[in-house]
Amino acid sequence: MKYVCILLLFIGLSPAMGQAQFEKALQTQLILASDGDVIELEAGNFQISGSLSLEGKKKITIRGKGMDKTVLSFKDQKTGAEGIKITNCENIVLEDLTVQDSKGDLIKTMHVKDIIFRRIKAEWTGGPKASNGSYALYPVLCTNILIDSCIAIGASDAGIYVGQSQHIEVKNCTAYQNVAGIEIENSLYADVHHNHAYGNTGGILVFDLPDLIQKKGGFVKVHNNLIEENNLSNFAPKGNIVGKVPKGTGMLILATSHVDIYDNKILNHQTVGVGIISYFMAEIAIKDKEYDPYPTAISVFNNTFERHLGRVPLQGRFAQIYRFKLRFGRDVPHVVYDGVLDPARCGTDGNYLPQHKICVHHNVNQSVANMDAEHDFKNVRRNPTELDCVQEYVKSNQF
């Protein structure tokens, strides 16, 4: 087994060793690694000047001595954008290390089958800034993803972002001081549970966006998370879709389908506990003819909501809607639905057929509102019975 050989290669790799020598040795090992290799990184703070890359490998483990013990810092990065980039690989494990301050994304994996992030801290150390990279942990176009016991801090888009991927589990993670703490985008079969998202602009987002390779996401479960006090001012760069997320958002579901939100604690958000909206609320023209802009088959149940009485902060488009259209005052509902319906999914009564309905039921401190955005917010409704239903797929547990 080549594990022993690699350990011998890295004997003496420490902060006392020349940083350039360490970086060259590590990148060489990534290039020369054979299937099944384990690359051990010693404890220490290592300054890296260029992106590290792994491509076309199978069954590779990159392991440090522990979060905050093995630190790869890209603060003075001169070449590349990502800190670590992994492409076209299978069965990759990253564990027990910290990655800091890359120009772009901290760890990006693309076209990887079976990828594990375990006990990884990914952070920008200078606080929330638009100049920070977009994503801390960023698997995209991947299959079979596990993100376990990781920490993400300071991303100008999303701390933990999974995009255009399938079969995903995000658990036991912490995300704070990001625009979005955790985001699942255009992805299928995701299980997001036992995480702590706090101090972000938005805690957890589940989005489907147009103009992407994987057109439709859905079948997402978000449960047993602590989502609290995500009231950070939005610091996303101008033009970024996540820049439209209002500060004070617990969860936002945008234009996706078959999402279960249950057994979460969603606490003390200034704007909304859970928002369920169509892409039309983004006020961006849709050019992708295959794109479905409507959220459907969404269930919000068995959650606990809390909110301090107060008006929505006057920042961004959502705040203006709340102020001039919805007029909730200090009594802001926990769950807000834009009420924009797809006519093709409606029955003769003009409402969604049962399999497409938005259902909100059996939540602690439940309060709901249908914004009636389709008719310029003229008939805002706070009737809890309007969304009181149970999705058939939830009943049968066939998710």
Protein backbone atom coordinates (compact mmCIF):
# COMPACT_ATOMS: atom_id res chain seq x y z
CA MET A 1 0.00 0.00 0.00
CA LYS A 2 1.38 3.41 -0.94
CA TYR A 3 0.24 5.09 2.23
CA VAL A 4 3.65 4.42 3.90
CA CYS A 5 5.58 5.85 0.97
CA ILE A 6 3.62 9.04 1.08
CA LEU A 7 4.15 9.42 4.80
CA LEU A 8 7.89 9.11 4.19
CA LEU A 9 7.72 11.71 1.44
CA PHE A 10 6.17 14.19 3.82
CA ILE A 11 8.38 13.61 6.84
CA GLY A 12 9.71 17.01 7.82
CA LEU A 13 7.05 19.03 6.02
CA SER A 14 6.37 21.74 8.58
CA PRO A 15 6.18 25.53 8.83
CA ALA A 16 9.94 25.54 9.40
CA MET A 17 10.38 24.11 5.90
CA GLY A 18 10.53 26.60 3.03
CA GLN A 19 7.01 27.51 1.98
CA ALA A 20 7.82 27.34 -1.72
CA GLN A 21 9.38 23.90 -1.21
CA PHE A 22 6.30 22.67 0.65
CA GLU A 23 3.94 23.96 -2.04
CA LYS A 24 5.98 22.40 -4.84
CA ALA A 25 6.19 19.08 -3.02
CA LEU A 26 2.46 19.02 -2.36
CA GLN A 27 1.46 19.88 -5.91
CA THR A 28 3.92 17.30 -7.23
CA GLN A 29 2.37 14.67 -5.00
CA LEU A 30 -1.10 15.60 -6.27
CA ILE A 31 0.09 15.22 -9.85
CA LEU A 32 1.92 11.94 -9.30
CA ALA A 33 -0.55 10.31 -6.95
CA SER A 34 -1.65 6.82 -7.89
CA ASP A 35 -5.11 5.42 -7.27
CA GLY A 36 -5.53 4.54 -3.62
CA ASP A 37 -2.92 6.97 -2.26
CA VAL A 38 -3.30 8.80 1.05
CA ILE A 39 -1.63 12.21 1.21
CA GLU A 40 -0.88 13.25 4.77
CA LEU A 41 -0.28 16.90 5.65
CA GLU A 42 1.51 17.74 8.88
CA ALA A 43 0.31 20.32 11.39
CA GLY A 44 1.28 23.90 10.65
CA ASN A 45 0.33 27.06 8.80
CA PHE A 46 1.39 26.78 5.16
CA GLN A 47 1.36 29.75 2.79
CA ILE A 48 0.36 28.74 -0.74
CA SER A 49 0.94 31.09 -3.70
CA GLY A 50 -1.02 29.26 -6.42
CA SER A 51 -4.03 27.00 -6.86
CA LEU A 52 -3.55 23.35 -5.94
CA SER A 53 -5.13 20.90 -8.37
CA LEU A 54 -6.01 17.22 -8.53
CA GLU A 55 -7.33 15.81 -11.80
CA GLY A 56 -8.31 12.43 -13.17
CA LYS A 57 -7.54 10.42 -10.01
CA LYS A 58 -9.38 7.69 -8.11
CA LYS A 59 -9.50 6.79 -4.42
CA ILE A 60 -7.34 9.65 -3.14
CA THR A 61 -7.45 10.90 0.45
CA ILE A 62 -5.99 14.27 1.43
CA ARG A 63 -5.77 14.41 5.21
CA GLY A 64 -4.47 17.00 7.64
CA LYS A 65 -3.84 16.74 11.35
CA GLY A 66 -7.08 18.48 12.27
CA MET A 67 -9.16 21.56 11.66
CA ASP A 68 -7.09 24.63 12.66
CA LYS A 69 -4.02 22.42 13.02
CA THR A 70 -3.20 21.99 9.35
CA VAL A 71 -3.88 25.33 7.66
CA LEU A 72 -3.41 26.07 3.97
CA SER A 73 -3.47 29.85 3.55
CA PHE A 74 -3.89 31.45 0.11
CA LYS A 75 -3.83 34.99 1.45
CA ASP A 76 -0.93 35.98 -0.82
CA GLN A 77 -2.13 33.91 -3.79
CA LYS A 78 -0.45 35.00 -7.02
CA THR A 79 -1.77 32.49 -9.57
CA GLY A 80 -5.12 30.81 -10.08
CA ALA A 81 -8.41 31.61 -8.41
CA GLU A 82 -9.45 28.54 -6.42
CA GLY A 83 -7.54 27.37 -3.40
CA ILE A 84 -7.98 23.66 -4.20
CA LYS A 85 -9.56 22.47 -7.44
CA ILE A 86 -10.48 18.81 -8.02
CA THR A 87 -11.85 17.71 -11.40
CA ASN A 88 -12.82 14.48 -13.17
CA CYS A 89 -12.09 12.26 -10.19
CA GLU A 90 -13.72 9.40 -8.26
CA ASN A 91 -13.77 8.47 -4.57
CA ILE A 92 -12.04 11.52 -3.14
CA VAL A 93 -11.81 12.32 0.59
CA LEU A 94 -10.75 15.68 2.02
CA GLU A 95 -10.54 15.78 5.80
CA ASP A 96 -9.12 17.43 8.90
CA LEU A 97 -7.71 20.68 7.61
CA THR A 98 -8.42 24.39 7.14
CA VAL A 99 -8.28 26.34 3.88
CA GLN A 100 -8.19 30.14 3.98
CA ASP A 101 -8.38 33.30 1.91
CA SER A 102 -8.19 32.23 -1.73
CA LYS A 103 -8.95 34.79 -4.43
CA GLY A 104 -11.90 32.75 -5.65
CA ASP A 105 -13.59 29.62 -4.32
CA LEU A 106 -11.75 27.90 -1.49
CA ILE A 107 -12.39 24.27 -2.51
CA LYS A 108 -14.07 23.54 -5.85
CA THR A 109 -14.82 20.03 -7.07
CA MET A 110 -16.24 19.47 -10.54
CA HIS A 111 -17.30 16.27 -12.29
CA VAL A 112 -16.39 14.16 -9.27
CA LYS A 113 -18.18 10.93 -8.39
CA ASP A 114 -18.16 10.12 -4.67
CA ILE A 115 -16.64 13.06 -2.83
CA ILE A 116 -16.39 13.50 0.95
CA PHE A 117 -15.62 16.74 2.78
CA ARG A 118 -15.12 15.86 6.44
CA ARG A 119 -14.02 18.22 9.22
CA ILE A 120 -12.95 20.94 6.79
CA LYS A 121 -12.94 24.60 7.74
CA ALA A 122 -13.12 26.94 4.74
CA GLU A 123 -12.93 30.63 5.59
CA TRP A 124 -12.06 34.15 4.64
CA THR A 125 -10.45 35.59 7.71
CA GLY A 126 -11.05 39.30 7.03
CA GLY A 127 -14.78 39.25 7.76
CA PRO A 128 -17.71 39.55 5.33
CA LYS A 129 -16.61 41.47 2.19
CA ALA A 130 -17.74 41.59 -1.44
CA SER A 131 -14.14 40.91 -2.46
CA ASN A 132 -14.21 37.47 -0.77
CA GLY A 133 -14.58 34.48 -3.05
CA SER A 134 -18.03 33.24 -3.98
CA TYR A 135 -18.04 29.77 -2.38
CA ALA A 136 -16.17 28.14 0.49
CA LEU A 137 -17.07 24.50 -0.26
CA TYR A 138 -18.23 24.19 -3.86
CA PRO A 139 -19.06 20.79 -5.40
CA VAL A 140 -20.70 21.28 -8.79
CA LEU A 141 -21.78 18.71 -11.38
CA CYS A 142 -20.89 15.96 -8.91
CA THR A 143 -22.60 12.74 -7.79
CA ASN A 144 -22.71 11.20 -4.31
CA ILE A 145 -21.56 14.07 -2.10
CA LEU A 146 -21.09 13.99 1.67
CA ILE A 147 -20.29 17.22 3.53
CA ASP A 148 -19.94 16.34 7.20
CA SER A 149 -18.88 18.42 10.21
CA CYS A 150 -17.49 21.28 8.15
CA ILE A 151 -17.35 25.03 8.84
CA ALA A 152 -17.82 27.75 6.21
CA ILE A 153 -17.20 31.44 6.89
CA GLY A 154 -17.21 34.64 4.87
CA ALA A 155 -18.34 33.59 1.36
CA SER A 156 -19.73 36.40 -0.78
CA ASP A 157 -22.25 33.95 -2.25
CA ALA A 158 -22.68 30.71 -0.29
CA GLY A 159 -20.57 29.09 2.39
CA ILE A 160 -21.59 25.54 1.55
CA TYR A 161 -22.88 25.40 -2.01
CA VAL A 162 -23.90 22.30 -3.96
CA GLY A 163 -24.85 22.96 -7.56
CA GLN A 164 -26.18 20.83 -10.43
CA SER A 165 -25.44 17.64 -8.53
CA GLN A 166 -27.25 14.51 -7.39
CA HIS A 167 -27.41 12.43 -4.20
CA ILE A 168 -26.17 14.86 -1.58
CA GLU A 169 -25.92 14.87 2.20
CA VAL A 170 -24.94 17.95 4.20
CA LYS A 171 -24.88 17.29 7.93
CA ASN A 172 -23.41 18.52 11.20
CA CYS A 173 -22.02 21.64 9.54
CA THR A 174 -21.78 25.25 10.69
CA ALA A 175 -22.07 28.25 8.37
CA TYR A 176 -21.87 31.88 9.43
CA GLN A 177 -20.98 35.32 8.07
CA ASN A 178 -21.80 34.25 4.51
CA VAL A 179 -24.43 35.75 2.22
CA ALA A 180 -26.05 32.30 2.11
CA GLY A 181 -25.04 29.81 4.76
CA ILE A 182 -25.98 26.64 2.85
CA GLU A 183 -27.32 26.56 -0.70
CA ILE A 184 -28.64 23.66 -2.79
CA GLU A 185 -29.03 24.78 -6.40
CA ASN A 186 -30.44 22.86 -9.41
CA SER A 187 -29.67 19.65 -7.53
CA LEU A 188 -31.57 16.41 -6.98
CA TYR A 189 -31.97 14.24 -3.88
CA ALA A 190 -30.34 16.35 -1.19
CA ASP A 191 -30.61 15.70 2.56
CA VAL A 192 -29.62 18.74 4.64
CA HIS A 193 -29.81 18.03 8.35
CA HIS A 194 -28.40 18.75 11.81
CA ASN A 195 -26.61 21.89 10.65
CA HIS A 196 -26.29 25.29 12.31
CA ALA A 197 -26.72 28.32 10.04
CA TYR A 198 -26.52 31.65 11.83
CA GLY A 199 -25.30 35.18 11.26
CA ASN A 200 -25.64 34.96 7.47
CA THR A 201 -27.87 37.06 5.22
CA GLY A 202 -29.91 33.92 4.50
CA GLY A 203 -29.57 30.67 6.43
CA ILE A 204 -30.45 27.91 3.92
CA LEU A 205 -31.44 28.41 0.27
CA VAL A 206 -32.90 25.88 -2.16
CA PHE A 207 -32.89 27.39 -5.65
CA ASP A 208 -33.50 26.40 -9.25
CA LEU A 209 -32.03 28.93 -11.68
CA PRO A 210 -32.16 29.20 -15.49
CA ASP A 211 -29.36 28.84 -18.04
CA LEU A 212 -27.61 25.94 -16.32
CA ILE A 213 -26.63 22.48 -17.57
CA GLN A 214 -28.75 20.58 -15.05
CA LYS A 215 -32.12 22.21 -15.55
CA LYS A 216 -34.22 20.96 -12.68
CA GLY A 217 -33.54 20.27 -9.05
CA GLY A 218 -35.80 18.96 -6.34
CA PHE A 219 -36.51 16.17 -3.90
CA VAL A 220 -34.71 18.02 -1.14
CA LYS A 221 -35.14 17.43 2.59
CA VAL A 222 -34.16 20.14 5.08
CA HIS A 223 -34.68 18.95 8.64
CA ASN A 224 -33.41 19.06 12.20
CA ASN A 225 -31.36 22.19 11.56
CA LEU A 226 -30.87 25.20 13.81
CA ILE A 227 -31.39 28.24 11.60
CA GLU A 228 -31.18 31.40 13.66
CA GLU A 229 -30.55 35.12 13.48
CA ASN A 230 -29.50 35.29 9.86
CA ASN A 231 -29.75 39.07 9.81
CA LEU A 232 -26.43 40.04 8.22
CA SER A 233 -26.53 42.80 5.59
CA ASN A 234 -26.16 41.37 2.10
CA PHE A 235 -22.59 41.86 0.84
CA ALA A 236 -22.78 39.94 -2.44
CA PRO A 237 -21.12 41.60 -5.45
CA LYS A 238 -23.43 43.59 -7.68
CA GLY A 239 -25.33 41.50 -10.23
CA ASN A 240 -25.20 38.26 -8.27
CA ILE A 241 -28.63 36.57 -7.91
CA VAL A 242 -27.98 35.90 -4.24
CA GLY A 243 -27.61 39.65 -3.86
CA LYS A 244 -31.41 39.78 -3.98
CA VAL A 245 -31.76 37.75 -0.77
CA PRO A 246 -32.94 40.14 1.96
CA LYS A 247 -31.12 40.28 5.26
CA GLY A 248 -33.13 38.45 7.86
CA THR A 249 -34.03 35.36 5.79
CA GLY A 250 -34.15 31.99 7.53
CA MET A 251 -34.87 29.88 4.44
CA LEU A 252 -35.69 30.77 0.85
CA ILE A 253 -37.16 28.32 -1.65
CA LEU A 254 -36.94 29.59 -5.22
CA ALA A 255 -38.59 27.89 -8.21
CA THR A 256 -37.85 24.31 -7.19
CA SER A 257 -40.08 21.32 -6.48
CA HIS A 258 -40.61 18.57 -3.93
CA VAL A 259 -38.96 20.18 -0.94
CA ASP A 260 -39.68 19.08 2.64
CA ILE A 261 -38.82 21.48 5.47
CA TYR A 262 -39.47 19.89 8.84
CA ASP A 263 -38.30 19.58 12.45
CA ASN A 264 -36.14 22.70 12.19
CA LYS A 265 -35.78 25.55 14.66
CA ILE A 266 -36.11 28.75 12.61
CA LEU A 267 -35.54 31.60 15.01
CA ASN A 268 -35.40 35.38 15.08
CA HIS A 269 -35.25 36.46 11.45
CA GLN A 270 -36.09 40.06 10.71
CA THR A 271 -37.67 39.50 7.28
CA VAL A 272 -38.99 35.94 6.89
CA GLY A 273 -38.62 32.52 8.46
CA VAL A 274 -39.37 30.62 5.23
CA GLY A 275 -39.98 32.32 1.88
CA ILE A 276 -41.42 30.34 -1.04
CA ILE A 277 -41.19 32.29 -4.28
CA SER A 278 -41.19 31.99 -8.04
CA TYR A 279 -38.35 33.25 -10.22
CA PHE A 280 -40.59 36.12 -11.28
CA MET A 281 -39.87 37.74 -7.92
CA ALA A 282 -36.26 38.16 -9.03
CA GLU A 283 -37.50 40.53 -11.75
CA ILE A 284 -35.04 39.14 -14.30
CA ALA A 285 -36.10 38.19 -17.82
CA ILE A 286 -36.22 34.43 -18.45
CA LYS A 287 -34.51 33.42 -21.71
CA ASP A 288 -34.13 29.70 -20.97
CA LYS A 289 -37.11 27.99 -22.65
CA GLU A 290 -36.61 24.80 -20.61
CA TYR A 291 -36.65 26.57 -17.27
CA ASP A 292 -39.53 26.07 -14.82
CA PRO A 293 -39.87 29.24 -12.71
CA TYR A 294 -42.55 27.98 -10.30
CA PRO A 295 -42.09 26.40 -6.84
CA THR A 296 -44.36 23.37 -6.47
CA ALA A 297 -44.94 20.52 -4.02
CA ILE A 298 -43.36 22.29 -1.05
CA SER A 299 -44.12 21.14 2.51
CA VAL A 300 -43.30 23.11 5.65
CA PHE A 301 -44.27 21.21 8.80
CA ASN A 302 -43.28 20.42 12.39
CA ASN A 303 -40.90 23.38 12.58
CA THR A 304 -40.56 25.80 15.48
CA PHE A 305 -40.68 29.49 14.60
CA GLU A 306 -39.81 32.47 16.75
CA ARG A 307 -39.42 36.14 15.88
CA HIS A 308 -39.01 39.34 17.86
CA LEU A 309 -41.74 41.80 16.97
CA GLY A 310 -40.42 44.47 14.64
CA ARG A 311 -40.60 45.88 11.14
CA VAL A 312 -38.67 44.42 8.25
CA PRO A 313 -35.31 46.20 7.68
CA LEU A 314 -35.56 48.73 4.85
CA GLN A 315 -32.89 47.17 2.64
CA GLY A 316 -33.47 45.87 -0.88
CA ARG A 317 -36.47 45.10 -3.07
CA PHE A 318 -38.13 42.74 -0.60
CA ALA A 319 -38.14 45.42 2.07
CA GLN A 320 -39.92 47.81 -0.29
CA ILE A 321 -42.56 45.16 -1.02
CA TYR A 322 -43.09 44.62 2.69
CA ARG A 323 -43.31 48.32 3.34
CA PHE A 324 -45.50 49.54 0.50
CA LYS A 325 -47.43 46.43 -0.59
CA LEU A 326 -47.78 43.93 2.23
CA ARG A 327 -48.04 46.33 5.17
CA PHE A 328 -47.47 43.72 7.85
CA GLY A 329 -46.12 46.31 10.26
CA ARG A 330 -44.39 44.65 13.20
CA ASP A 331 -46.44 41.45 12.94
CA VAL A 332 -44.51 39.79 10.11
CA PRO A 333 -45.60 36.20 9.27
CA HIS A 334 -43.06 33.39 9.56
CA VAL A 335 -43.92 31.75 6.23
CA VAL A 336 -44.50 33.85 3.12
CA TYR A 337 -45.58 32.49 -0.30
CA ASP A 338 -45.67 34.71 -3.37
CA GLY A 339 -48.82 33.00 -4.69
CA VAL A 340 -47.73 32.96 -8.34
CA LEU A 341 -49.31 29.86 -9.91
CA ASP A 342 -48.52 27.90 -13.05
CA PRO A 343 -51.85 27.63 -14.94
CA ALA A 344 -50.81 24.25 -16.36
CA ARG A 345 -50.76 22.79 -12.85
CA CYS A 346 -54.12 24.19 -11.75
CA GLY A 347 -57.51 22.54 -11.61
CA THR A 348 -60.82 24.00 -12.72
CA ASP A 349 -61.05 26.00 -9.48
CA GLY A 350 -57.90 27.93 -10.35
CA ASN A 351 -55.87 26.37 -7.53
CA TYR A 352 -53.00 23.92 -7.72
CA LEU A 353 -53.85 20.27 -8.11
CA PRO A 354 -53.05 18.30 -4.93
CA GLN A 355 -49.68 16.99 -6.14
CA HIS A 356 -48.42 20.54 -6.79
CA LYS A 357 -49.66 22.37 -3.71
CA ILE A 358 -47.68 24.47 -1.27
CA CYS A 359 -48.45 23.01 2.19
CA VAL A 360 -47.77 24.61 5.57
CA HIS A 361 -49.06 22.80 8.64
CA HIS A 362 -48.42 21.76 12.25
CA ASN A 363 -45.65 24.27 12.96
CA VAL A 364 -45.10 25.84 16.38
CA ASN A 365 -46.00 29.56 16.32
CA GLN A 366 -47.16 29.16 12.74
CA SER A 367 -48.20 32.22 10.75
CA VAL A 368 -48.49 32.41 6.98
CA ALA A 369 -49.22 34.86 4.19
CA ASN A 370 -49.98 34.55 0.50
CA MET A 371 -48.57 37.73 -1.05
CA ASP A 372 -50.67 37.52 -4.23
CA ALA A 373 -47.68 38.83 -6.17
CA GLU A 374 -49.31 37.76 -9.44
CA HIS A 375 -51.89 40.52 -8.97
CA ASP A 376 -49.50 43.17 -7.67
CA PHE A 377 -50.12 42.23 -4.02
CA LYS A 378 -53.71 43.45 -4.13
CA ASN A 379 -55.22 40.53 -2.21
CA VAL A 380 -52.68 39.61 0.47
CA ARG A 381 -54.12 36.79 2.55
CA ARG A 382 -53.13 35.55 6.01
CA ASN A 383 -55.59 32.69 6.20
CA PRO A 384 -53.71 29.63 7.58
CA THR A 385 -56.27 27.21 6.14
CA GLU A 386 -55.38 28.23 2.59
CA LEU A 387 -52.04 26.37 2.82
CA ASP A 388 -53.21 23.69 5.25
CA CYS A 389 -52.60 20.47 3.33
CA VAL A 390 -50.34 17.40 3.29
CA GLN A 391 -48.45 16.33 0.19
CA GLU A 392 -49.13 12.76 -0.93
CA TYR A 393 -45.41 11.99 -1.30
CA VAL A 394 -44.89 13.06 2.31
CA LYS A 395 -47.72 10.80 3.48
CA SER A 396 -46.26 7.80 1.69
CA ASN A 397 -42.66 8.63 2.64
CA GLN A 398 -41.64 8.10 -0.97
CA PHE A 399 -39.09 10.83 -1.32
